[in-house]
Amino acid sequence: MTQQDFNQGNGSDSRTSFNQIIEKVREKISELEGERGSTCILFYCLGSINFQKAIEFLNIIRKEQKIEKLDLILESGGGNIDDAVKIANLCKDFSTNFTVIIPYYAKSAATLIALYADELILCKAGELGPIDPQVRHPLMDVFIPASSIKRALDFIESSSDPYIKMTMADKLDPLLIGAYNQAIEEAKNYLEEVPRVKIADNKAEIIKTFTEKYIDHGYPITHRICEELKLCAKDAINISLENLLYDIHEVLIKYMVSKDIEIIILTKNQIHCRKEQTSERIEEH
């Protein structure tokens, strides 16, 4: 199947059905599995990783045959750190060898999934990000990025004006500061338990890179940075397979965005697909 065949009808051509898109992606997945001798699970999550998505992932992976070599093709902006680690552990527990492949990005909590893998493959456009937990206010149902709280605390600390210090300190809820400290420690604890980090001779540098070094929540931790940290190998995947992964990525992202699809979990034999803000399943077989 050519690139033209693969992309035909995508996006503006409404005649292309959901099944046609999925079958084309499955052909590419089969090709990837044949080249790498692996079982592929594609996890594309445009919403937030949470308890429901971890359950959905379990429902897929437990029905697969015994997996010797698992390739998880991952796309996610992150979410709940506990549920992300649950997904990572499911991958390790249901396979003998676990690889994460990132065509484009796995940010925040999804970065933890990537780091838990036995092998990490970042395509040229692939990137991780700082593990910046979303801090839930203890008394209000709102989430605040940990980096925002840290910037506020740093500003107060750096100010030489006692009035500014007092005014700003009054505006920061002590309970929120406590929740922030807990969230940061939780992120560090999870990182310390990542098998590859636990035995790394540059463990402290890795933890600092993913929790403290970068201010911006979206900062791109690229394959070059990961190579310097000894987290992934250079040119770990050949050009042909990388382009195959980009073919899959291009079609799925276009389709998911155009149809408001929040999550797709896909293997050769199974699919789970759900729209945003609903429990409606597009199709599952």
Protein backbone atom coordinates (compact mmCIF):
# COMPACT_ATOMS: atom_id res chain seq x y z
CA MET A 1 0.00 0.00 0.00
CA THR A 2 1.41 3.37 -1.04
CA GLN A 3 1.41 6.59 0.97
CA GLN A 4 -1.21 7.92 -1.47
CA ASP A 5 -3.44 4.90 -0.81
CA PHE A 6 -2.95 5.31 2.93
CA ASN A 7 -3.94 8.98 2.96
CA GLN A 8 -6.71 8.73 0.36
CA GLY A 9 -9.99 10.03 1.69
CA ASN A 10 -8.63 11.20 5.01
CA GLY A 11 -9.88 14.47 6.54
CA SER A 12 -12.02 16.26 3.95
CA ASP A 13 -13.33 13.11 2.24
CA SER A 14 -16.34 12.20 4.35
CA ARG A 15 -16.84 9.00 2.36
CA THR A 16 -13.94 7.41 4.15
CA SER A 17 -15.43 5.44 7.02
CA PHE A 18 -14.05 4.82 10.45
CA ASN A 19 -13.46 1.17 9.56
CA GLN A 20 -11.45 2.09 6.48
CA ILE A 21 -9.19 4.36 8.52
CA ILE A 22 -8.66 1.72 11.17
CA GLU A 23 -7.97 -1.07 8.69
CA LYS A 24 -5.36 1.04 6.94
CA VAL A 25 -3.68 1.76 10.27
CA ARG A 26 -3.81 -1.94 11.12
CA GLU A 27 -2.01 -2.78 7.91
CA LYS A 28 0.77 -0.43 8.95
CA ILE A 29 0.83 -1.93 12.47
CA SER A 30 1.15 -5.44 10.99
CA GLU A 31 4.05 -4.23 8.87
CA LEU A 32 5.74 -2.72 11.93
CA GLU A 33 5.23 -5.92 13.93
CA GLY A 34 6.70 -7.99 11.12
CA GLU A 35 9.80 -5.79 10.91
CA ARG A 36 10.39 -5.65 14.67
CA GLY A 37 9.10 -9.09 15.69
CA SER A 38 6.83 -7.45 18.24
CA THR A 39 3.22 -7.01 19.35
CA CYS A 40 2.08 -3.40 18.93
CA ILE A 41 -0.44 -1.55 21.05
CA LEU A 42 -1.23 1.96 19.92
CA PHE A 43 -2.30 4.32 22.74
CA TYR A 44 -3.36 7.72 21.43
CA CYS A 45 -4.91 9.91 24.11
CA LEU A 46 -5.81 13.52 23.26
CA GLY A 47 -7.55 13.98 26.61
CA SER A 48 -6.15 13.48 30.09
CA ILE A 49 -4.90 10.10 31.29
CA ASN A 50 -7.16 9.11 34.17
CA PHE A 51 -8.65 6.13 36.01
CA GLN A 52 -11.12 5.38 33.21
CA LYS A 53 -8.42 5.29 30.54
CA ALA A 54 -6.24 3.01 32.67
CA ILE A 55 -9.19 0.60 32.94
CA GLU A 56 -9.78 0.85 29.19
CA PHE A 57 -6.12 0.01 28.59
CA LEU A 58 -6.33 -3.00 30.93
CA ASN A 59 -9.38 -4.27 29.04
CA ILE A 60 -7.33 -4.28 25.83
CA ILE A 61 -3.96 -5.63 26.99
CA ARG A 62 -5.35 -8.49 29.09
CA LYS A 63 -7.09 -9.95 26.02
CA GLU A 64 -3.92 -10.12 23.95
CA GLN A 65 -2.04 -13.39 23.58
CA LYS A 66 1.15 -13.78 25.62
CA ILE A 67 3.35 -10.84 24.66
CA GLU A 68 7.07 -11.49 24.40
CA LYS A 69 8.03 -8.12 22.94
CA LEU A 70 5.60 -5.23 23.39
CA ASP A 71 5.85 -2.02 21.37
CA LEU A 72 3.64 0.68 22.87
CA ILE A 73 3.16 3.49 20.34
CA LEU A 74 2.38 6.40 22.61
CA GLU A 75 0.82 9.82 22.05
CA SER A 76 -0.41 11.76 25.10
CA GLY A 77 -0.18 15.14 26.76
CA GLY A 78 -0.28 13.54 30.21
CA GLY A 79 -2.79 13.43 33.03
CA ASN A 80 -2.99 11.75 36.42
CA ILE A 81 0.41 10.49 37.47
CA ASP A 82 -0.93 7.45 39.39
CA ASP A 83 -2.96 6.21 36.42
CA ALA A 84 -0.04 6.74 34.05
CA VAL A 85 2.16 4.55 36.26
CA LYS A 86 -0.64 1.97 36.37
CA ILE A 87 -0.55 1.80 32.54
CA ALA A 88 3.25 1.51 32.59
CA ASN A 89 3.12 -1.35 35.08
CA LEU A 90 0.43 -3.12 33.06
CA CYS A 91 2.75 -3.00 30.06
CA LYS A 92 5.61 -4.50 32.08
CA ASP A 93 3.43 -7.14 33.75
CA PHE A 94 1.79 -8.35 30.53
CA SER A 95 5.01 -8.57 28.50
CA THR A 96 8.52 -9.97 28.74
CA ASN A 97 10.15 -6.97 27.07
CA PHE A 98 8.54 -3.53 26.88
CA THR A 99 9.42 -0.75 24.43
CA VAL A 100 7.79 2.67 24.14
CA ILE A 101 7.89 4.35 20.72
CA ILE A 102 7.07 8.06 20.54
CA PRO A 103 6.43 9.49 17.08
CA TYR A 104 5.53 12.97 18.34
CA TYR A 105 5.15 13.50 22.09
CA ALA A 106 4.51 11.97 25.50
CA LYS A 107 4.31 14.80 28.01
CA SER A 108 4.04 15.15 31.77
CA ALA A 109 2.58 11.95 33.29
CA ALA A 110 2.91 10.20 29.90
CA THR A 111 6.66 10.80 30.18
CA LEU A 112 6.63 8.41 33.13
CA ILE A 113 5.11 5.68 30.96
CA ALA A 114 7.95 6.20 28.50
CA LEU A 115 10.65 6.09 31.18
CA TYR A 116 9.27 2.85 32.67
CA ALA A 117 9.96 1.03 29.40
CA ASP A 118 12.88 -1.36 28.99
CA GLU A 119 13.69 0.52 25.79
CA LEU A 120 12.73 4.03 24.72
CA ILE A 121 12.58 5.03 21.05
CA LEU A 122 12.06 8.68 20.16
CA CYS A 123 11.45 9.48 16.51
CA LYS A 124 12.99 12.67 15.16
CA ALA A 125 9.93 14.70 16.17
CA GLY A 126 9.45 12.73 19.37
CA GLU A 127 9.78 14.42 22.73
CA LEU A 128 9.13 13.97 26.43
CA GLY A 129 8.43 16.73 28.92
CA PRO A 130 8.88 17.76 32.54
CA ILE A 131 6.83 15.70 34.97
CA ASP A 132 4.87 18.67 36.23
CA PRO A 133 1.98 17.30 38.32
CA GLN A 134 -1.40 18.99 38.33
CA VAL A 135 -2.01 19.91 41.98
CA ARG A 136 -5.58 19.53 43.20
CA HIS A 137 -6.61 22.16 45.71
CA PRO A 138 -7.51 20.29 48.93
CA LEU A 139 -10.79 22.18 49.40
CA MET A 140 -11.79 23.18 45.85
CA ASP A 141 -12.28 21.09 42.75
CA VAL A 142 -9.60 22.87 40.74
CA PHE A 143 -6.23 21.74 39.43
CA ILE A 144 -3.18 24.01 39.24
CA PRO A 145 0.12 23.15 37.52
CA ALA A 146 2.84 22.55 40.08
CA SER A 147 5.18 24.79 38.06
CA SER A 148 2.81 27.75 38.55
CA ILE A 149 2.84 27.31 42.31
CA LYS A 150 6.62 26.99 42.27
CA ARG A 151 6.99 30.23 40.30
CA ALA A 152 4.81 32.05 42.82
CA LEU A 153 6.88 30.70 45.73
CA ASP A 154 10.14 31.62 43.97
CA PHE A 155 8.86 35.14 43.33
CA ILE A 156 8.00 35.63 46.99
CA GLU A 157 11.38 34.27 48.03
CA SER A 158 13.28 36.51 45.63
CA SER A 159 11.45 39.74 46.49
CA SER A 160 13.23 42.20 48.78
CA ASP A 161 10.03 44.17 49.40
CA PRO A 162 8.45 43.05 52.72
CA TYR A 163 5.05 44.35 51.64
CA ILE A 164 5.08 42.23 48.47
CA LYS A 165 6.24 39.24 50.48
CA MET A 166 3.43 39.65 52.99
CA THR A 167 0.75 40.34 50.37
CA MET A 168 1.71 37.43 48.14
CA ALA A 169 2.12 35.05 51.05
CA ASP A 170 -1.41 35.88 52.21
CA LYS A 171 -2.75 34.98 48.78
CA LEU A 172 -1.14 31.55 48.73
CA ASP A 173 -3.28 29.02 50.55
CA PRO A 174 -1.13 26.99 53.00
CA LEU A 175 -3.12 23.90 52.06
CA LEU A 176 -2.24 24.47 48.42
CA ILE A 177 1.45 24.82 49.28
CA GLY A 178 1.23 21.55 51.20
CA ALA A 179 -0.46 19.86 48.23
CA TYR A 180 2.26 21.24 45.94
CA ASN A 181 5.07 19.84 48.10
CA GLN A 182 3.31 16.47 48.19
CA ALA A 183 2.84 16.40 44.40
CA ILE A 184 6.49 17.23 43.72
CA GLU A 185 7.69 14.58 46.15
CA GLU A 186 5.32 12.08 44.57
CA ALA A 187 6.77 12.78 41.11
CA LYS A 188 10.32 12.34 42.44
CA ASN A 189 9.35 9.14 44.24
CA TYR A 190 7.89 7.65 41.08
CA LEU A 191 11.00 8.61 39.11
CA GLU A 192 13.24 7.04 41.73
CA GLU A 193 11.33 3.77 41.30
CA VAL A 194 11.70 3.68 37.51
CA PRO A 195 13.97 0.63 36.97
CA ARG A 196 16.27 2.32 34.44
CA VAL A 197 16.58 5.40 36.68
CA LYS A 198 17.15 3.37 39.84
CA ILE A 199 20.31 1.79 38.43
CA ALA A 200 21.57 4.80 36.43
CA ASP A 201 24.91 6.31 37.36
CA ASN A 202 23.39 9.73 36.55
CA LYS A 203 20.21 9.16 38.57
CA ALA A 204 20.27 12.58 40.26
CA GLU A 205 20.69 14.35 36.91
CA ILE A 206 17.75 12.47 35.38
CA ILE A 207 15.44 13.28 38.29
CA LYS A 208 16.43 16.95 38.26
CA THR A 209 15.92 17.16 34.48
CA PHE A 210 12.37 15.88 34.67
CA THR A 211 11.23 17.65 37.85
CA GLU A 212 13.19 20.89 38.38
CA LYS A 213 15.39 21.96 35.48
CA TYR A 214 12.79 23.34 33.09
CA ILE A 215 10.24 25.98 34.11
CA ASP A 216 7.84 25.52 31.22
CA HIS A 217 5.41 22.62 31.56
CA GLY A 218 5.59 22.07 27.79
CA TYR A 219 9.37 22.28 27.45
CA PRO A 220 10.51 19.76 24.80
CA ILE A 221 12.85 17.14 26.22
CA THR A 222 14.04 15.89 22.84
CA HIS A 223 15.80 12.74 21.73
CA ARG A 224 19.10 14.65 21.91
CA ILE A 225 18.57 15.45 25.61
CA CYS A 226 17.48 11.86 26.26
CA GLU A 227 20.56 10.55 24.47
CA GLU A 228 22.77 12.74 26.67
CA LEU A 229 21.00 11.31 29.71
CA LYS A 230 21.57 7.78 28.33
CA LEU A 231 17.82 7.14 28.21
CA CYS A 232 17.62 6.27 24.52
CA ALA A 233 19.98 5.31 21.74
CA LYS A 234 20.70 7.43 18.68
CA ASP A 235 19.07 6.18 15.46
CA ALA A 236 17.30 3.37 17.34
CA ILE A 237 14.82 2.97 14.48
CA ASN A 238 15.48 3.04 10.75
CA ILE A 239 14.10 5.65 8.37
CA SER A 240 11.61 3.27 6.76
CA LEU A 241 9.97 2.32 10.06
CA GLU A 242 10.06 5.91 11.28
CA ASN A 243 8.17 7.03 8.18
CA LEU A 244 5.71 4.21 8.71
CA LEU A 245 5.07 5.51 12.23
CA TYR A 246 4.58 9.03 10.90
CA ASP A 247 2.06 7.67 8.36
CA ILE A 248 0.06 6.20 11.24
CA HIS A 249 0.40 9.36 13.30
CA GLU A 250 -0.68 11.70 10.52
CA VAL A 251 -3.85 9.82 9.69
CA LEU A 252 -4.93 9.16 13.27
CA ILE A 253 -4.36 12.68 14.57
CA LYS A 254 -6.28 14.21 11.65
CA TYR A 255 -9.14 11.81 12.16
CA MET A 256 -9.27 12.15 15.95
CA VAL A 257 -9.26 15.95 15.81
CA SER A 258 -11.90 16.11 13.07
CA LYS A 259 -14.23 13.71 14.91
CA ASP A 260 -13.55 14.93 18.49
CA ILE A 261 -12.18 11.54 19.48
CA GLU A 262 -10.46 11.55 22.84
CA ILE A 263 -8.82 8.14 22.89
CA ILE A 264 -7.94 5.28 20.58
CA ILE A 265 -6.36 2.07 21.86
CA LEU A 266 -5.61 -0.20 18.93
CA THR A 267 -4.04 -3.59 18.22
CA LYS A 268 -4.25 -5.91 15.22
CA ASN A 269 -7.34 -7.54 16.72
CA GLN A 270 -8.89 -5.05 19.13
CA ILE A 271 -9.95 -1.43 19.28
CA HIS A 272 -11.32 0.93 21.87
CA CYS A 273 -12.34 4.39 20.65
CA ARG A 274 -14.27 7.07 22.53
CA LYS A 275 -15.35 10.62 21.83
CA GLU A 276 -14.61 13.61 24.09
CA GLN A 277 -16.89 14.35 27.05
CA THR A 278 -18.91 11.19 26.54
CA SER A 279 -18.88 7.47 27.18
CA GLU A 280 -19.99 6.87 23.57
CA ARG A 281 -17.84 4.32 21.81
CA ILE A 282 -17.39 4.97 18.13
CA GLU A 283 -16.92 1.34 17.26
CA GLU A 284 -15.36 -1.62 18.97
CA HIS A 285 -14.61 -5.03 17.55
